Amino acid sequence: MDEHDWNFPFEEPLHEVFPALHEAQNSWMSQIESLHAPDRKTTELIRMVVTVLNRNGEGVQRHATLAREVGATWDEILGSIMLTTPGAGLLPAVVAIPHARRGYEAAREAEAD
């Protein structure tokens, strides 16, 4: 088994080429994670919206999963995605919805187990 538990697909190649940069990024992200406001559900919804705007389907799925795990409903997830349409247009939102649904359902199924 690998000695590292990579959360994102880009981490292993980044670590191989720039280990110090990867460690600095992890340190910076841990400081972001330590913020007390907004609450965790709002944080995950915001992060999900940013991934919608970046057209990052894997990120949408991950943050939809995490949002569900901390109490977000499907309506809150879908509503957050649709709030991106005035600025980014309809296409990024429409493309993001199936990713968000997969993340939401994965968290729902994990709760049932």
N, C-alpha and C. Protein backbone atom coordinates (compact mmCIF):
# COMPACT_ATOMS: atom_id res chain seq x y z
N MET A 1 0.84 -1.20 0.00
CA MET A 1 0.00 0.00 0.00
C MET A 1 0.88 1.24 0.00
N ASP A 2 0.47 2.26 -0.71
CA ASP A 2 1.19 3.52 -0.79
C ASP A 2 1.24 4.19 0.58
N GLU A 3 2.36 4.83 0.88
CA GLU A 3 2.48 5.49 2.18
C GLU A 3 1.66 6.76 2.27
N HIS A 4 1.19 7.26 1.14
CA HIS A 4 0.39 8.49 1.11
C HIS A 4 -1.06 8.16 0.78
N ASP A 5 -1.94 8.95 1.34
CA ASP A 5 -3.36 8.84 1.02
C ASP A 5 -3.73 10.12 0.28
N TRP A 6 -3.73 10.07 -1.06
CA TRP A 6 -3.97 11.25 -1.85
C TRP A 6 -5.47 11.53 -1.92
N ASN A 7 -5.87 12.76 -1.59
CA ASN A 7 -7.27 13.15 -1.68
C ASN A 7 -7.68 13.54 -3.10
N PHE A 8 -6.72 14.00 -3.88
CA PHE A 8 -7.02 14.49 -5.22
C PHE A 8 -6.07 13.82 -6.22
N PRO A 9 -6.52 13.60 -7.46
CA PRO A 9 -5.68 12.92 -8.45
C PRO A 9 -4.38 13.67 -8.77
N PHE A 10 -4.38 14.98 -8.63
CA PHE A 10 -3.18 15.76 -8.97
C PHE A 10 -2.09 15.68 -7.91
N GLU A 11 -2.42 15.20 -6.71
CA GLU A 11 -1.44 15.26 -5.62
C GLU A 11 -0.21 14.39 -5.84
N GLU A 12 -0.38 13.17 -6.29
CA GLU A 12 0.77 12.29 -6.46
C GLU A 12 1.77 12.85 -7.47
N PRO A 13 1.31 13.24 -8.69
CA PRO A 13 2.29 13.78 -9.63
C PRO A 13 2.91 15.09 -9.14
N LEU A 14 2.13 15.92 -8.45
CA LEU A 14 2.69 17.16 -7.90
C LEU A 14 3.75 16.84 -6.86
N HIS A 15 3.46 15.89 -5.98
CA HIS A 15 4.40 15.52 -4.92
C HIS A 15 5.69 14.93 -5.50
N GLU A 16 5.56 14.14 -6.57
CA GLU A 16 6.74 13.54 -7.20
C GLU A 16 7.68 14.60 -7.75
N VAL A 17 7.12 15.65 -8.34
CA VAL A 17 7.94 16.66 -9.01
C VAL A 17 8.31 17.81 -8.07
N PHE A 18 7.36 18.25 -7.23
CA PHE A 18 7.57 19.39 -6.35
C PHE A 18 7.11 19.06 -4.93
N PRO A 19 7.81 18.19 -4.21
CA PRO A 19 7.33 17.80 -2.88
C PRO A 19 7.20 18.98 -1.90
N ALA A 20 8.11 19.92 -1.95
CA ALA A 20 8.03 21.07 -1.03
C ALA A 20 6.81 21.93 -1.35
N LEU A 21 6.52 22.12 -2.63
CA LEU A 21 5.34 22.87 -3.03
C LEU A 21 4.07 22.16 -2.57
N HIS A 22 4.05 20.85 -2.72
CA HIS A 22 2.90 20.07 -2.29
C HIS A 22 2.70 20.20 -0.78
N GLU A 23 3.75 20.10 -0.02
CA GLU A 23 3.66 20.25 1.44
C GLU A 23 3.18 21.65 1.83
N ALA A 24 3.67 22.66 1.12
CA ALA A 24 3.23 24.04 1.40
C ALA A 24 1.75 24.20 1.09
N GLN A 25 1.31 23.60 -0.01
CA GLN A 25 -0.10 23.66 -0.37
C GLN A 25 -0.95 22.98 0.71
N ASN A 26 -0.52 21.83 1.18
CA ASN A 26 -1.25 21.12 2.24
C ASN A 26 -1.31 21.96 3.52
N SER A 27 -0.23 22.62 3.85
CA SER A 27 -0.21 23.47 5.03
C SER A 27 -1.19 24.63 4.88
N TRP A 28 -1.17 25.26 3.70
CA TRP A 28 -2.08 26.37 3.42
C TRP A 28 -3.53 25.90 3.50
N MET A 29 -3.82 24.74 2.90
CA MET A 29 -5.19 24.22 2.91
C MET A 29 -5.64 23.88 4.33
N SER A 30 -4.75 23.40 5.17
CA SER A 30 -5.14 23.10 6.55
C SER A 30 -5.52 24.38 7.29
N GLN A 31 -4.90 25.49 6.96
CA GLN A 31 -5.28 26.76 7.56
C GLN A 31 -6.66 27.20 7.07
N ILE A 32 -6.94 26.99 5.79
CA ILE A 32 -8.27 27.29 5.26
C ILE A 32 -9.31 26.43 5.97
N GLU A 33 -9.00 25.14 6.15
CA GLU A 33 -9.92 24.22 6.81
C GLU A 33 -10.20 24.62 8.26
N SER A 34 -9.30 25.36 8.87
CA SER A 34 -9.46 25.71 10.29
C SER A 34 -10.34 26.95 10.50
N LEU A 35 -10.80 27.58 9.44
CA LEU A 35 -11.68 28.74 9.60
C LEU A 35 -12.96 28.34 10.32
N HIS A 36 -13.42 29.18 11.22
CA HIS A 36 -14.63 28.86 11.99
C HIS A 36 -15.91 29.36 11.31
N ALA A 37 -15.78 30.25 10.35
CA ALA A 37 -16.96 30.75 9.65
C ALA A 37 -16.59 30.86 8.17
N PRO A 38 -17.47 30.60 7.27
CA PRO A 38 -18.83 30.16 7.52
C PRO A 38 -18.86 28.72 8.03
N ASP A 39 -20.04 28.25 8.38
CA ASP A 39 -20.19 26.88 8.87
C ASP A 39 -19.79 25.90 7.77
N ARG A 40 -19.59 24.66 8.17
CA ARG A 40 -19.06 23.65 7.25
C ARG A 40 -19.98 23.41 6.04
N LYS A 41 -21.30 23.37 6.25
CA LYS A 41 -22.21 23.14 5.13
C LYS A 41 -22.09 24.26 4.11
N THR A 42 -22.08 25.50 4.58
CA THR A 42 -21.95 26.65 3.68
C THR A 42 -20.61 26.61 2.97
N THR A 43 -19.57 26.24 3.70
CA THR A 43 -18.24 26.13 3.10
C THR A 43 -18.23 25.14 1.95
N GLU A 44 -18.82 23.97 2.15
CA GLU A 44 -18.84 22.96 1.09
C GLU A 44 -19.69 23.40 -0.09
N LEU A 45 -20.79 24.09 0.17
CA LEU A 45 -21.61 24.60 -0.94
C LEU A 45 -20.84 25.66 -1.73
N ILE A 46 -20.12 26.53 -1.05
CA ILE A 46 -19.31 27.54 -1.74
C ILE A 46 -18.23 26.86 -2.57
N ARG A 47 -17.54 25.91 -1.98
CA ARG A 47 -16.49 25.21 -2.72
C ARG A 47 -17.07 24.49 -3.93
N MET A 48 -18.25 23.91 -3.77
CA MET A 48 -18.89 23.23 -4.89
C MET A 48 -19.19 24.23 -6.01
N VAL A 49 -19.71 25.40 -5.65
CA VAL A 49 -20.01 26.43 -6.65
C VAL A 49 -18.75 26.85 -7.39
N VAL A 50 -17.66 27.00 -6.68
CA VAL A 50 -16.39 27.36 -7.34
C VAL A 50 -15.99 26.28 -8.33
N THR A 51 -16.18 25.01 -7.97
CA THR A 51 -15.82 23.95 -8.90
C THR A 51 -16.77 23.92 -10.10
N VAL A 52 -18.02 24.31 -9.91
CA VAL A 52 -18.94 24.47 -11.05
C VAL A 52 -18.37 25.53 -11.99
N LEU A 53 -17.99 26.67 -11.44
CA LEU A 53 -17.46 27.76 -12.26
C LEU A 53 -16.17 27.37 -12.96
N ASN A 54 -15.39 26.51 -12.33
CA ASN A 54 -14.15 26.03 -12.94
C ASN A 54 -14.37 24.84 -13.87
N ARG A 55 -15.63 24.41 -13.97
CA ARG A 55 -16.00 23.26 -14.81
C ARG A 55 -15.22 22.01 -14.44
N ASN A 56 -15.14 21.78 -13.13
CA ASN A 56 -14.40 20.66 -12.58
C ASN A 56 -15.41 19.65 -12.03
N GLY A 57 -15.80 18.71 -12.86
CA GLY A 57 -16.82 17.73 -12.47
C GLY A 57 -16.45 16.91 -11.25
N GLU A 58 -15.18 16.48 -11.17
CA GLU A 58 -14.75 15.71 -10.01
C GLU A 58 -14.86 16.53 -8.73
N GLY A 59 -14.53 17.82 -8.83
CA GLY A 59 -14.64 18.70 -7.67
C GLY A 59 -16.09 18.91 -7.26
N VAL A 60 -16.97 19.05 -8.24
CA VAL A 60 -18.41 19.19 -7.95
C VAL A 60 -18.89 17.96 -7.20
N GLN A 61 -18.52 16.80 -7.70
CA GLN A 61 -18.95 15.56 -7.05
C GLN A 61 -18.41 15.47 -5.63
N ARG A 62 -17.15 15.77 -5.44
CA ARG A 62 -16.54 15.69 -4.10
C ARG A 62 -17.23 16.64 -3.13
N HIS A 63 -17.43 17.88 -3.53
CA HIS A 63 -18.01 18.85 -2.60
C HIS A 63 -19.50 18.64 -2.40
N ALA A 64 -20.19 18.05 -3.38
CA ALA A 64 -21.59 17.67 -3.16
C ALA A 64 -21.66 16.55 -2.13
N THR A 65 -20.74 15.60 -2.23
CA THR A 65 -20.67 14.53 -1.23
C THR A 65 -20.44 15.10 0.15
N LEU A 66 -19.43 15.96 0.27
CA LEU A 66 -19.11 16.53 1.57
C LEU A 66 -20.24 17.40 2.10
N ALA A 67 -20.90 18.13 1.20
CA ALA A 67 -22.03 18.97 1.63
C ALA A 67 -23.15 18.09 2.18
N ARG A 68 -23.45 17.00 1.50
CA ARG A 68 -24.48 16.07 2.00
C ARG A 68 -24.09 15.50 3.36
N GLU A 69 -22.81 15.14 3.50
CA GLU A 69 -22.34 14.57 4.76
C GLU A 69 -22.51 15.52 5.94
N VAL A 70 -22.51 16.82 5.67
CA VAL A 70 -22.67 17.79 6.77
C VAL A 70 -24.05 18.42 6.78
N GLY A 71 -25.02 17.78 6.08
CA GLY A 71 -26.40 18.18 6.24
C GLY A 71 -27.07 18.91 5.10
N ALA A 72 -26.40 19.11 3.98
CA ALA A 72 -27.05 19.79 2.86
C ALA A 72 -28.07 18.89 2.21
N THR A 73 -29.19 19.47 1.83
CA THR A 73 -30.22 18.74 1.11
C THR A 73 -29.92 18.82 -0.40
N TRP A 74 -30.61 17.97 -1.17
CA TRP A 74 -30.46 18.05 -2.62
C TRP A 74 -30.91 19.41 -3.13
N ASP A 75 -31.99 19.96 -2.57
CA ASP A 75 -32.46 21.27 -2.99
C ASP A 75 -31.41 22.35 -2.75
N GLU A 76 -30.69 22.28 -1.64
CA GLU A 76 -29.63 23.26 -1.36
C GLU A 76 -28.48 23.11 -2.34
N ILE A 77 -28.12 21.88 -2.66
CA ILE A 77 -27.04 21.64 -3.62
C ILE A 77 -27.45 22.12 -5.00
N LEU A 78 -28.63 21.71 -5.44
CA LEU A 78 -29.10 22.12 -6.76
C LEU A 78 -29.29 23.64 -6.84
N GLY A 79 -29.86 24.23 -5.81
CA GLY A 79 -30.05 25.68 -5.79
C GLY A 79 -28.72 26.42 -5.86
N SER A 80 -27.71 25.91 -5.16
CA SER A 80 -26.39 26.54 -5.19
C SER A 80 -25.80 26.48 -6.60
N ILE A 81 -25.96 25.35 -7.25
CA ILE A 81 -25.47 25.22 -8.63
C ILE A 81 -26.20 26.21 -9.54
N MET A 82 -27.50 26.31 -9.41
CA MET A 82 -28.27 27.19 -10.29
C MET A 82 -27.95 28.66 -10.04
N LEU A 83 -27.48 29.00 -8.85
CA LEU A 83 -27.08 30.39 -8.60
C LEU A 83 -25.88 30.82 -9.43
N THR A 84 -25.18 29.87 -10.04
CA THR A 84 -24.03 30.22 -10.89
C THR A 84 -24.47 30.69 -12.27
N THR A 85 -25.71 30.43 -12.66
CA THR A 85 -26.13 30.70 -14.05
C THR A 85 -26.12 32.17 -14.46
N PRO A 86 -26.46 33.13 -13.59
CA PRO A 86 -26.40 34.52 -14.07
C PRO A 86 -25.00 34.96 -14.48
N GLY A 87 -24.00 34.47 -13.78
CA GLY A 87 -22.63 34.88 -14.10
C GLY A 87 -21.92 33.99 -15.09
N ALA A 88 -22.20 32.68 -15.05
CA ALA A 88 -21.44 31.74 -15.87
C ALA A 88 -22.26 31.13 -17.00
N GLY A 89 -23.55 31.38 -17.01
CA GLY A 89 -24.39 30.80 -18.04
C GLY A 89 -24.96 29.46 -17.60
N LEU A 90 -25.83 28.94 -18.42
CA LEU A 90 -26.55 27.72 -18.10
C LEU A 90 -25.69 26.46 -18.26
N LEU A 91 -24.82 26.43 -19.26
CA LEU A 91 -24.08 25.21 -19.58
C LEU A 91 -23.25 24.67 -18.40
N PRO A 92 -22.44 25.47 -17.71
CA PRO A 92 -21.68 24.90 -16.59
C PRO A 92 -22.57 24.28 -15.52
N ALA A 93 -23.71 24.89 -15.26
CA ALA A 93 -24.63 24.35 -14.26
C ALA A 93 -25.22 23.02 -14.73
N VAL A 94 -25.66 22.97 -15.97
CA VAL A 94 -26.26 21.75 -16.51
C VAL A 94 -25.24 20.61 -16.51
N VAL A 95 -24.02 20.91 -16.88
CA VAL A 95 -22.96 19.89 -16.89
C VAL A 95 -22.65 19.43 -15.47
N ALA A 96 -22.74 20.32 -14.49
CA ALA A 96 -22.39 19.98 -13.11
C ALA A 96 -23.45 19.13 -12.40
N ILE A 97 -24.69 19.24 -12.81
CA ILE A 97 -25.77 18.57 -12.08
C ILE A 97 -25.56 17.05 -11.94
N PRO A 98 -25.23 16.32 -13.01
CA PRO A 98 -25.03 14.87 -12.82
C PRO A 98 -23.87 14.55 -11.87
N HIS A 99 -22.82 15.34 -11.90
CA HIS A 99 -21.70 15.13 -10.97
C HIS A 99 -22.16 15.34 -9.53
N ALA A 100 -22.92 16.41 -9.33
CA ALA A 100 -23.43 16.69 -7.99
C ALA A 100 -24.36 15.58 -7.53
N ARG A 101 -25.20 15.10 -8.42
CA ARG A 101 -26.13 14.02 -8.07
C ARG A 101 -25.37 12.77 -7.64
N ARG A 102 -24.30 12.42 -8.38
CA ARG A 102 -23.49 11.25 -8.01
C ARG A 102 -22.88 11.42 -6.63
N GLY A 103 -22.35 12.61 -6.35
CA GLY A 103 -21.77 12.86 -5.04
C GLY A 103 -22.80 12.80 -3.92
N TYR A 104 -23.94 13.42 -4.17
CA TYR A 104 -25.03 13.42 -3.19
C TYR A 104 -25.49 12.00 -2.90
N GLU A 105 -25.71 11.22 -3.96
CA GLU A 105 -26.19 9.85 -3.79
C GLU A 105 -25.15 8.97 -3.12
N ALA A 106 -23.87 9.18 -3.41
CA ALA A 106 -22.81 8.39 -2.75
C ALA A 106 -22.84 8.64 -1.25
N ALA A 107 -23.02 9.88 -0.84
CA ALA A 107 -23.09 10.19 0.59
C ALA A 107 -24.35 9.60 1.21
N ARG A 108 -25.46 9.65 0.48
CA ARG A 108 -26.71 9.08 0.98
C ARG A 108 -26.59 7.57 1.17
N GLU A 109 -25.97 6.90 0.20
CA GLU A 109 -25.78 5.45 0.30
C GLU A 109 -24.83 5.09 1.43
N ALA A 110 -23.80 5.89 1.63
CA ALA A 110 -22.86 5.64 2.74
C ALA A 110 -23.56 5.78 4.09
N GLU A 111 -24.49 6.72 4.18
CA GLU A 111 -25.25 6.89 5.42
C GLU A 111 -26.12 5.66 5.69
N ALA A 112 -26.65 5.06 4.63
CA ALA A 112 -27.55 3.92 4.79
C ALA A 112 -26.80 2.65 5.23
N ASP A 113 -25.51 2.58 4.92
CA ASP A 113 -24.72 1.39 5.29
C ASP A 113 -24.43 1.30 6.77
